[in-house]
Amino acid sequence: MRIACVQYAPELGRVAQNAERVRALTASLKPDQVDLLVLPEMALTGYMFDSLEEISPLLENPYTGEGATSVLAADLARHLQCHVVAGFPERASPRALEELGSRGQHDARIAREKVTGLAHLPRIERQAFNAAMLVGPDGSLVKVFRKHFLYEADTTWADEGSGFEYLDVPGLGRICVAICMDLNPYTLESEFSRYELATYCEQHRIDCLVVPMNWLLPEDDIEAYQAQTSSSDPSLATINYWVARCMPLWMPGLCQPGHEGHTTYLVACNRTGVERDIVFAGSSSVIAFTYADRADLLGTTGARTEGTLVVHTA
């Protein structure tokens, strides 16, 4: 499988300019050169919105095909003849609300009464979602995935998606699309060893776990980030954390009998840059997890790199 991750620093609210930047960063790709192209979480809008009112003009209904992310993803998919995953802020259309809690979704949240801190719980229900679209090579919408576990910055405008999901896709295998915080423990309060997303992927023998991200740089790395003279250095602490959160996919003793030797590819497509004083980690990576064997970093970008990472998994 040939995977491409687009990493760049979108400007908050400048959707048209950001779309042109993505087009420029993917211009060197040729048709049939990649099977899967991934853009970051909220790929065209930026991330740090203070309220539903602020982000409302940028919300998209993916089922109409008219939003900026839908248009860009469809154009790229048709031109490159590949599948495209792109993050976007979704307006809660009637169809989106109908899909909440539908068959096949796995709700991995712990009971609300067990959550002592409210910072990662939604403040506004059923109005908007932090979502990612999967678009097919013909430009059509295949599926919308919604962020299940919210980060604090999401709670000012987004509601929780109702569960993890997967889809069997010709040419890609069994694919699960999750979004950034979904890789963390729920509300950062459930036990680290629950590995909610990775356990779900292991149990369902997922071939490709695609995670569009707006992952923040660890505070301990910020000074080194600011002192960097080269944009090619990744945040190793960030990559190591992603690997740790995927332990059920590679660590002996954490998987079901009969799953030995199965490989799951993690596609972590992050953004870079600084937005409202928040520093993002970049370091987009493709990692192969082979159960009872090892984790192999197949390719990565720098914490400050803008560009397209292309990795051949086999």
Protein backbone atom coordinates (compact mmCIF):
# COMPACT_ATOMS: atom_id res chain seq x y z
CA MET A 1 0.00 0.00 0.00
CA ARG A 2 1.22 3.48 -0.86
CA ILE A 3 0.32 6.12 1.72
CA ALA A 4 0.78 9.90 1.58
CA CYS A 5 0.42 12.28 4.56
CA VAL A 6 0.15 16.02 4.03
CA GLN A 7 1.62 17.99 6.93
CA TYR A 8 1.48 21.78 7.01
CA ALA A 9 0.53 24.78 9.14
CA PRO A 10 -3.00 25.93 8.26
CA GLU A 11 -3.97 29.48 9.13
CA LEU A 12 -6.97 29.81 11.42
CA GLY A 13 -10.15 30.48 9.43
CA ARG A 14 -8.41 31.02 6.06
CA VAL A 15 -10.05 28.09 4.30
CA ALA A 16 -9.47 29.09 0.67
CA GLN A 17 -5.80 29.89 1.26
CA ASN A 18 -5.30 26.65 3.17
CA ALA A 19 -6.88 24.65 0.36
CA GLU A 20 -4.48 26.22 -2.13
CA ARG A 21 -1.59 25.35 0.15
CA VAL A 22 -2.66 21.70 0.23
CA ARG A 23 -2.96 21.68 -3.56
CA ALA A 24 0.56 23.07 -3.83
CA LEU A 25 1.96 20.50 -1.40
CA THR A 26 0.39 17.63 -3.36
CA ALA A 27 1.09 18.99 -6.85
CA SER A 28 4.07 16.70 -7.41
CA LEU A 29 2.01 13.54 -6.81
CA LYS A 30 1.01 11.68 -9.94
CA PRO A 31 -2.13 9.62 -10.67
CA ASP A 32 -1.83 6.03 -9.41
CA GLN A 33 1.23 6.97 -7.30
CA VAL A 34 -0.62 6.60 -3.99
CA ASP A 35 -3.48 4.46 -2.69
CA LEU A 36 -4.36 6.61 0.32
CA LEU A 37 -3.86 10.34 0.84
CA VAL A 38 -4.41 11.70 4.37
CA LEU A 39 -4.88 15.31 5.47
CA PRO A 40 -4.77 16.48 9.12
CA GLU A 41 -7.64 16.96 11.54
CA MET A 42 -9.73 20.01 10.57
CA ALA A 43 -7.44 20.24 7.59
CA LEU A 44 -8.59 23.57 6.13
CA THR A 45 -9.93 25.55 9.08
CA GLY A 46 -7.29 25.56 11.80
CA TYR A 47 -8.16 24.24 15.23
CA MET A 48 -8.29 26.60 18.19
CA PHE A 49 -11.84 27.98 18.05
CA ASP A 50 -13.33 29.57 21.15
CA SER A 51 -17.02 28.92 20.50
CA LEU A 52 -19.65 27.38 18.23
CA GLU A 53 -20.47 30.91 17.07
CA GLU A 54 -16.88 31.46 15.92
CA ILE A 55 -16.60 28.21 13.97
CA SER A 56 -20.19 28.10 12.69
CA PRO A 57 -19.49 29.77 9.30
CA LEU A 58 -16.89 27.08 8.59
CA LEU A 59 -19.00 24.02 9.45
CA GLU A 60 -19.67 21.67 6.52
CA ASN A 61 -22.37 19.20 5.60
CA PRO A 62 -20.40 16.45 3.82
CA TYR A 63 -23.50 14.87 2.31
CA THR A 64 -24.07 17.82 -0.01
CA GLY A 65 -20.54 17.69 -1.46
CA GLU A 66 -20.41 21.48 -1.47
CA GLY A 67 -18.10 22.25 1.47
CA ALA A 68 -14.50 23.31 0.92
CA THR A 69 -13.08 20.08 2.36
CA SER A 70 -15.47 17.94 0.31
CA VAL A 71 -14.52 19.75 -2.90
CA LEU A 72 -10.78 19.51 -2.22
CA ALA A 73 -10.90 15.85 -1.16
CA ALA A 74 -12.98 14.90 -4.20
CA ASP A 75 -10.65 16.77 -6.56
CA LEU A 76 -7.56 15.11 -5.09
CA ALA A 77 -9.17 11.66 -5.08
CA ARG A 78 -10.24 11.87 -8.73
CA HIS A 79 -6.93 13.33 -9.89
CA LEU A 80 -4.75 10.85 -8.01
CA GLN A 81 -7.17 7.91 -8.35
CA CYS A 82 -6.87 7.15 -4.66
CA HIS A 83 -8.84 7.25 -1.44
CA VAL A 84 -8.60 10.46 0.60
CA VAL A 85 -9.15 11.00 4.34
CA ALA A 86 -9.58 14.61 5.43
CA GLY A 87 -10.56 16.14 8.76
CA PHE A 88 -13.24 18.84 8.88
CA PRO A 89 -15.75 20.48 11.26
CA GLU A 90 -19.19 18.99 10.55
CA ARG A 91 -22.56 20.67 10.89
CA ALA A 92 -25.05 18.31 12.53
CA SER A 93 -27.34 17.55 9.61
CA PRO A 94 -30.36 15.23 10.00
CA ARG A 95 -28.36 12.43 8.38
CA ALA A 96 -25.47 12.92 10.80
CA LEU A 97 -27.84 12.73 13.76
CA GLU A 98 -29.46 9.58 12.36
CA GLU A 99 -26.04 7.91 12.25
CA LEU A 100 -25.29 8.51 15.93
CA GLY A 101 -25.30 5.21 17.75
CA SER A 102 -25.95 3.23 14.57
CA ARG A 103 -25.19 -0.46 14.36
CA GLY A 104 -21.49 -1.30 14.23
CA GLN A 105 -20.28 1.62 16.34
CA HIS A 106 -18.32 0.75 19.48
CA ASP A 107 -18.87 3.11 22.40
CA ALA A 108 -15.62 3.06 24.42
CA ARG A 109 -16.48 5.83 26.88
CA ILE A 110 -16.49 5.23 30.60
CA ALA A 111 -19.62 6.15 32.56
CA ARG A 112 -20.02 9.88 33.07
CA GLU A 113 -20.40 9.45 36.82
CA LYS A 114 -16.83 8.12 36.89
CA VAL A 115 -15.45 11.30 35.30
CA THR A 116 -14.35 13.83 37.92
CA GLY A 117 -12.96 16.47 35.55
CA LEU A 118 -15.29 18.06 33.01
CA ALA A 119 -12.69 19.68 30.75
CA HIS A 120 -13.01 17.05 28.01
CA LEU A 121 -16.79 16.63 28.03
CA PRO A 122 -18.94 18.41 25.43
CA ARG A 123 -20.68 21.62 26.40
CA ILE A 124 -22.95 21.77 23.33
CA GLU A 125 -24.89 18.71 22.19
CA ARG A 126 -25.96 17.64 18.68
CA GLN A 127 -24.92 20.83 16.87
CA ALA A 128 -21.52 20.00 15.40
CA PHE A 129 -18.83 17.31 15.29
CA ASN A 130 -15.10 17.13 14.75
CA ALA A 131 -15.15 14.68 11.84
CA ALA A 132 -13.16 13.08 9.05
CA MET A 133 -14.42 12.08 5.63
CA LEU A 134 -13.31 9.11 3.55
CA VAL A 135 -13.64 9.83 -0.17
CA GLY A 136 -13.28 7.23 -2.91
CA PRO A 137 -11.22 7.44 -6.13
CA ASP A 138 -14.31 8.59 -8.05
CA GLY A 139 -14.68 11.57 -5.72
CA SER A 140 -17.73 10.22 -3.93
CA LEU A 141 -18.18 10.26 -0.16
CA VAL A 142 -17.66 6.77 1.28
CA LYS A 143 -18.11 7.42 5.00
CA VAL A 144 -17.94 10.05 7.73
CA PHE A 145 -16.16 9.22 10.99
CA ARG A 146 -16.71 11.40 14.08
CA LYS A 147 -14.28 12.07 16.91
CA HIS A 148 -15.32 9.88 19.82
CA PHE A 149 -13.05 11.28 22.57
CA LEU A 150 -12.87 15.09 22.67
CA TYR A 151 -9.89 17.22 23.57
CA GLU A 152 -10.57 20.27 25.69
CA ALA A 153 -10.35 22.61 22.67
CA ASP A 154 -13.13 20.63 20.91
CA THR A 155 -15.63 21.01 23.74
CA THR A 156 -16.28 24.69 23.00
CA TRP A 157 -18.24 23.70 19.87
CA ALA A 158 -18.30 19.93 19.18
CA ASP A 159 -20.24 16.97 20.52
CA GLU A 160 -18.84 13.47 20.93
CA GLY A 161 -19.17 10.94 18.15
CA SER A 162 -20.92 7.86 19.45
CA GLY A 163 -18.29 5.19 18.78
CA PHE A 164 -15.32 3.76 16.90
CA GLU A 165 -16.05 2.25 13.48
CA TYR A 166 -14.32 0.40 10.68
CA LEU A 167 -14.96 -0.27 7.02
CA ASP A 168 -13.67 -2.88 4.58
CA VAL A 169 -12.32 -0.95 1.59
CA PRO A 170 -11.04 -2.58 -1.62
CA GLY A 171 -7.32 -1.91 -1.98
CA LEU A 172 -6.93 -0.69 1.61
CA GLY A 173 -8.24 -3.62 3.61
CA ARG A 174 -10.08 -3.08 6.88
CA ILE A 175 -9.71 0.60 7.76
CA CYS A 176 -10.56 2.45 10.96
CA VAL A 177 -10.49 6.25 10.96
CA ALA A 178 -10.15 7.92 14.35
CA ILE A 179 -9.20 11.50 15.22
CA CYS A 180 -6.32 12.68 17.42
CA MET A 181 -7.59 12.47 21.03
CA ASP A 182 -9.25 9.14 20.19
CA LEU A 183 -5.79 7.62 20.67
CA ASN A 184 -5.71 8.85 24.30
CA PRO A 185 -7.57 7.44 27.32
CA TYR A 186 -11.14 8.78 27.47
CA THR A 187 -11.12 12.28 29.03
CA LEU A 188 -7.54 11.44 30.09
CA GLU A 189 -9.12 9.82 33.18
CA SER A 190 -9.62 6.18 32.24
CA GLU A 191 -6.73 3.82 32.92
CA PHE A 192 -3.82 4.18 30.49
CA SER A 193 -3.85 0.40 30.06
CA ARG A 194 -7.39 0.30 28.69
CA TYR A 195 -5.99 1.27 25.26
CA GLU A 196 -9.53 1.87 24.04
CA LEU A 197 -8.81 2.56 20.37
CA ALA A 198 -5.92 0.12 19.93
CA THR A 199 -7.85 -2.66 21.68
CA TYR A 200 -10.80 -2.07 19.36
CA CYS A 201 -8.48 -2.26 16.35
CA GLU A 202 -6.80 -5.42 17.60
CA GLN A 203 -10.09 -7.17 18.30
CA HIS A 204 -11.38 -6.39 14.80
CA ARG A 205 -8.09 -7.11 12.99
CA ILE A 206 -7.82 -3.62 11.52
CA ASP A 207 -5.33 -3.37 8.66
CA CYS A 208 -4.99 0.42 8.60
CA LEU A 209 -5.66 2.81 11.49
CA VAL A 210 -5.81 6.32 10.05
CA VAL A 211 -5.63 9.17 12.55
CA PRO A 212 -5.84 12.79 11.33
CA MET A 213 -4.41 14.94 14.12
CA ASN A 214 -3.87 18.35 15.64
CA TRP A 215 -1.52 16.83 18.22
CA LEU A 216 0.23 19.30 20.52
CA LEU A 217 3.96 19.30 21.09
CA PRO A 218 4.90 18.11 24.60
CA GLU A 219 5.81 21.04 26.82
CA ASP A 220 9.23 19.52 27.48
CA ASP A 221 9.98 19.71 23.73
CA ILE A 222 8.96 23.32 23.12
CA GLU A 223 12.32 24.87 23.98
CA ALA A 224 14.12 22.43 21.70
CA TYR A 225 11.53 23.07 18.97
CA GLN A 226 12.12 26.82 19.14
CA ALA A 227 15.88 26.30 18.97
CA GLN A 228 15.77 23.97 15.97
CA THR A 229 17.72 25.10 12.94
CA SER A 230 16.47 22.15 10.87
CA SER A 231 12.83 21.32 10.20
CA SER A 232 13.66 17.65 9.66
CA ASP A 233 13.86 16.64 13.34
CA PRO A 234 10.70 14.88 14.55
CA SER A 235 9.38 14.90 18.09
CA LEU A 236 10.53 11.47 19.23
CA ALA A 237 8.61 11.82 22.49
CA THR A 238 5.41 12.24 20.47
CA ILE A 239 6.08 9.24 18.23
CA ASN A 240 7.03 7.08 21.21
CA TYR A 241 3.77 8.03 22.91
CA TRP A 242 1.74 7.00 19.85
CA VAL A 243 3.56 3.67 19.85
CA ALA A 244 2.82 3.21 23.56
CA ARG A 245 -0.88 3.88 23.01
CA CYS A 246 -0.93 1.13 20.36
CA MET A 247 0.60 -1.60 22.54
CA PRO A 248 -2.22 -4.12 21.99
CA LEU A 249 -1.27 -4.14 18.30
CA TRP A 250 2.32 -5.28 18.91
CA MET A 251 2.98 -6.26 22.51
CA PRO A 252 2.87 -10.01 23.31
CA GLY A 253 0.18 -10.91 25.81
CA LEU A 254 -2.25 -8.13 24.84
CA CYS A 255 -3.93 -9.73 21.86
CA GLN A 256 -6.37 -12.53 21.12
CA PRO A 257 -5.06 -15.99 20.23
CA GLY A 258 -4.78 -16.44 16.50
CA HIS A 259 -3.95 -12.79 15.78
CA GLU A 260 -0.19 -13.38 15.94
CA GLY A 261 1.63 -12.02 12.91
CA HIS A 262 -1.15 -9.66 11.84
CA THR A 263 0.14 -6.22 10.82
CA THR A 264 -1.72 -2.97 11.42
CA TYR A 265 -0.43 0.26 9.91
CA LEU A 266 -0.87 3.44 11.95
CA VAL A 267 -1.11 6.52 9.74
CA ALA A 268 -0.70 9.51 12.07
CA CYS A 269 -1.16 12.65 9.96
CA ASN A 270 -0.52 15.70 12.10
CA ARG A 271 -0.27 19.44 11.48
CA THR A 272 2.63 21.67 12.37
CA GLY A 273 3.06 25.33 13.28
CA VAL A 274 1.72 27.59 16.02
CA GLU A 275 -1.86 28.77 16.47
CA ARG A 276 -3.02 31.09 19.25
CA ASP A 277 0.23 30.32 21.11
CA ILE A 278 -0.36 26.55 20.86
CA VAL A 279 2.56 24.63 19.33
CA PHE A 280 1.76 21.53 17.30
CA ALA A 281 4.02 18.48 17.14
CA GLY A 282 4.12 17.70 13.42
CA SER A 283 6.10 14.45 13.15
CA SER A 284 3.49 12.75 10.94
CA SER A 285 4.35 9.06 10.79
CA VAL A 286 3.49 5.72 9.27
CA ILE A 287 4.20 2.88 11.72
CA ALA A 288 3.80 -0.87 11.16
CA PHE A 289 2.69 -2.87 14.19
CA THR A 290 3.14 -6.63 13.87
CA TYR A 291 1.68 -8.50 16.80
CA ALA A 292 4.07 -10.46 19.02
CA ASP A 293 6.91 -9.05 16.99
CA ARG A 294 7.70 -5.35 16.77
CA ALA A 295 6.79 -1.78 15.85
CA ASP A 296 8.57 -0.38 12.78
CA LEU A 297 8.69 3.31 11.93
CA LEU A 298 8.34 3.29 8.13
CA GLY A 299 8.52 7.03 7.64
CA THR A 300 8.19 10.31 9.51
CA THR A 301 8.44 14.07 9.05
CA GLY A 302 10.02 16.76 11.20
CA ALA A 303 8.15 18.62 13.90
CA ARG A 304 8.33 21.78 11.74
CA THR A 305 8.20 20.23 8.27
CA GLU A 306 5.65 21.28 5.68
CA GLY A 307 5.34 18.77 2.88
CA THR A 308 3.97 15.40 1.80
CA LEU A 309 5.34 12.19 3.28
CA VAL A 310 4.99 9.20 0.93
CA VAL A 311 5.51 5.69 2.33
CA HIS A 312 5.25 2.28 0.65
CA THR A 313 4.22 -0.25 3.26
CA ALA A 314 5.33 -3.29 1.26
